Structures are given as structure tokens and as C-alpha cells.
Amino acid sequence: MKKTIFILMCGGLFMVSALYVSVGAQAPAGKSTNDGVYTEAQAKRGDVLYKEQCATCHGDNLEGSGPMPPLAGKDFLVNWQGKTVGDLFEKTHTTMPATAPGTLTPAQAADIVAYMLAAGKYPAGAAELDSKLEPLQQIKIDAVKQ
């Protein structure tokens, strides 16, 4: 009796595992920063906000200075590649600007992130970058495709 229960449990575990793998394989792949996840208009709004809120610390060209990290280019990717746009948005929204953390609205933070992506040479797309964290967590930060 114990042997039969053990065999049934193992078989059930195998079936659940197989179902998990097959459903996971069919799930749509997440987006990447190379998929045009912001619009040019949004990046232009972000450019204005960046100059007002961020350039003093991060530089006019997003190059960073001293302890202030760069927000575009190879040095940016060292810190952010493999993370999500949601991670970047959340950091921007909750901790920036350094002189008044958390004062950016979600829309302003999304616009600034869109500008950062544009400055990093990621392609623009047809839809604006969302200003909600959950959808942004589905967009992976990758190296720019050449």
C-alpha cells in the first residue's frame, strides 16, 4: 500500500513538473529595451525634465561625475544590464532627485527613463513607456543592438 501511494505521488509530481515546463515554454518572452518601448515625444519631455532635475549631478550628457553614476553608455550597462526597466524606474521615482527624493511623479520618472533610453541609443517605438511599475518589470535592460 505504501509503495502504491509513493508511486502515485511520484507520478503526480512528474505530471505537474511536465505541465509547468510546457506552460512556461509557451509563455511569451518579455520585452527588451531594444524593442522600442518609449516614444520620441516622451523622450523629448524627459530631456527637459532631465536638464531641470538630474543634469546637475549626472552631467549634461548623462556621463555621471564622481559618486554620481552615468545614466547611459557602457558604464551604465555595467550596473543595469540584465535588470529591468522597472528597477530603473523605481530607483528614479523613489530616490531622485537626490536633493528631493521621491518628488518626481510616476509620469515624470517614466519620461526621464525614456530620455535615458534615447540617450543610450535604444530605438523609440509607437507606445509610451508606462508609468506603472508592474509592466515595466517585464522589460529587460539589454545592450544596444548594433
Protein backbone atom coordinates (compact mmCIF):
# COMPACT_ATOMS: atom_id res chain seq x y z
CA MET A 1 0.00 0.00 0.00
CA LYS A 2 2.76 2.44 0.92
CA LYS A 3 4.60 1.55 -2.27
CA THR A 4 1.50 2.28 -4.37
CA ILE A 5 0.98 5.67 -2.71
CA PHE A 6 4.65 6.51 -3.23
CA ILE A 7 4.44 5.59 -6.94
CA LEU A 8 1.25 7.65 -7.39
CA MET A 9 2.81 10.64 -5.66
CA CYS A 10 5.94 10.43 -7.83
CA GLY A 11 3.81 10.13 -10.96
CA GLY A 12 1.74 13.14 -9.90
CA LEU A 13 4.88 15.15 -9.20
CA PHE A 14 6.23 14.22 -12.63
CA MET A 15 2.96 15.29 -14.32
CA VAL A 16 2.89 18.64 -12.50
CA SER A 17 6.54 19.25 -13.41
CA ALA A 18 5.91 18.44 -17.07
CA LEU A 19 2.89 20.75 -17.15
CA TYR A 20 4.91 23.56 -15.56
CA VAL A 21 7.70 23.19 -18.12
CA SER A 22 5.32 23.04 -21.11
CA VAL A 23 3.29 26.06 -19.98
CA GLY A 24 6.46 28.00 -19.16
CA ALA A 25 7.85 27.26 -22.61
CA GLN A 26 4.71 28.73 -24.19
CA ALA A 27 4.75 31.93 -22.14
CA PRO A 28 5.61 34.99 -24.25
CA ALA A 29 9.13 36.24 -23.85
CA GLY A 30 9.49 39.56 -22.07
CA LYS A 31 10.35 42.73 -23.90
CA SER A 32 13.78 44.25 -24.15
CA THR A 33 14.96 47.84 -24.29
CA ASN A 34 15.77 47.08 -27.93
CA ASP A 35 12.06 46.64 -28.72
CA GLY A 36 11.09 50.33 -28.92
CA VAL A 37 9.47 50.71 -25.50
CA TYR A 38 9.16 54.53 -25.43
CA THR A 39 8.23 57.27 -27.90
CA GLU A 40 10.34 60.12 -29.23
CA ALA A 41 7.85 62.64 -27.80
CA GLN A 42 8.17 61.05 -24.37
CA ALA A 43 11.97 61.18 -24.57
CA LYS A 44 11.78 64.88 -25.50
CA ARG A 45 9.68 65.57 -22.41
CA GLY A 46 12.19 63.56 -20.40
CA ASP A 47 15.06 65.61 -21.85
CA VAL A 48 13.52 68.81 -20.43
CA LEU A 49 12.93 67.18 -17.05
CA TYR A 50 16.43 65.67 -17.02
CA LYS A 51 18.00 69.09 -17.53
CA GLU A 52 15.90 70.53 -14.70
CA GLN A 53 16.15 67.66 -12.21
CA CYS A 54 19.16 65.45 -13.00
CA ALA A 55 21.90 67.16 -15.03
CA THR A 56 23.40 68.98 -12.04
CA CYS A 57 24.51 65.66 -10.56
CA HIS A 58 24.64 63.26 -13.53
CA GLY A 59 26.02 65.68 -16.13
CA ASP A 60 24.59 67.27 -19.25
CA ASN A 61 25.44 64.17 -21.31
CA LEU A 62 24.40 61.58 -18.66
CA GLU A 63 28.09 60.78 -18.12
CA GLY A 64 27.98 60.89 -14.31
CA SER A 65 30.56 62.53 -12.12
CA GLY A 66 32.39 61.27 -9.04
CA PRO A 67 29.94 59.22 -6.98
CA MET A 68 27.07 60.04 -9.35
CA PRO A 69 26.72 57.14 -11.78
CA PRO A 70 26.42 57.50 -15.55
CA LEU A 71 22.92 57.08 -16.95
CA ALA A 72 23.86 55.96 -20.47
CA GLY A 73 26.62 54.08 -22.27
CA LYS A 74 28.88 51.18 -21.34
CA ASP A 75 29.36 52.25 -17.73
CA PHE A 76 25.58 52.45 -17.29
CA LEU A 77 25.23 48.91 -18.65
CA VAL A 78 27.78 47.57 -16.17
CA ASN A 79 25.29 48.40 -13.41
CA TRP A 80 21.97 47.86 -15.18
CA GLN A 81 22.27 45.18 -17.89
CA GLY A 82 20.11 42.20 -17.02
CA LYS A 83 17.92 44.23 -14.66
CA THR A 84 14.56 45.61 -15.71
CA VAL A 85 13.28 49.00 -16.77
CA GLY A 86 11.01 48.63 -13.73
CA ASP A 87 14.08 48.53 -11.48
CA LEU A 88 15.42 51.68 -13.13
CA PHE A 89 12.03 53.41 -12.96
CA GLU A 90 11.59 52.54 -9.28
CA LYS A 91 15.07 53.82 -8.39
CA THR A 92 14.43 57.03 -10.34
CA HIS A 93 10.94 57.54 -8.93
CA THR A 94 11.71 56.83 -5.27
CA THR A 95 15.24 58.16 -4.78
CA MET A 96 15.63 61.02 -7.26
CA PRO A 97 16.38 63.81 -7.46
CA ALA A 98 18.98 63.49 -4.72
CA THR A 99 18.02 66.90 -3.31
CA ALA A 100 14.32 65.94 -3.04
CA PRO A 101 13.92 62.14 -3.24
CA GLY A 102 10.53 60.83 -4.29
CA THR A 103 9.20 64.13 -5.61
CA LEU A 104 9.01 63.06 -9.25
CA THR A 105 5.56 61.92 -10.34
CA PRO A 106 5.34 58.48 -11.94
CA ALA A 107 4.82 60.13 -15.34
CA GLN A 108 7.90 62.36 -14.86
CA ALA A 109 10.01 59.37 -13.82
CA ALA A 110 8.83 57.42 -16.90
CA ASP A 111 9.67 60.39 -19.15
CA ILE A 112 13.17 60.66 -17.66
CA VAL A 113 13.75 56.92 -18.10
CA ALA A 114 12.57 57.26 -21.72
CA TYR A 115 15.13 60.05 -22.22
CA MET A 116 17.83 57.85 -20.69
CA LEU A 117 16.95 55.08 -23.13
CA ALA A 118 17.03 57.52 -26.05
CA ALA A 119 20.40 58.89 -24.92
CA GLY A 120 21.62 55.30 -24.69
CA LYS A 121 20.71 54.80 -28.39
CA TYR A 122 17.82 52.42 -27.78
CA PRO A 123 15.17 52.66 -30.53
CA ALA A 124 11.93 54.56 -30.00
CA GLY A 125 8.62 52.86 -30.64
CA ALA A 126 4.95 53.64 -31.11
CA ALA A 127 3.82 53.41 -27.47
CA GLU A 128 4.97 55.42 -24.49
CA LEU A 129 6.83 53.83 -21.62
CA ASP A 130 4.31 53.01 -18.93
CA SER A 131 4.35 54.90 -15.64
CA LYS A 132 3.34 51.84 -13.61
CA LEU A 133 5.93 49.52 -12.12
CA GLU A 134 4.40 46.13 -12.97
CA PRO A 135 4.51 46.40 -16.79
CA LEU A 136 7.99 47.93 -16.61
CA GLN A 137 9.23 44.88 -14.70
CA GLN A 138 8.63 42.89 -17.91
CA ILE A 139 11.19 44.92 -19.91
CA LYS A 140 14.77 43.73 -19.61
CA ILE A 141 17.69 46.15 -20.00
CA ASP A 142 19.96 44.70 -22.69
CA ALA A 143 22.98 46.01 -24.56
CA VAL A 144 22.01 48.12 -27.55
CA LYS A 145 21.76 46.09 -30.76
CA GLN A 146 24.06 47.48 -33.41
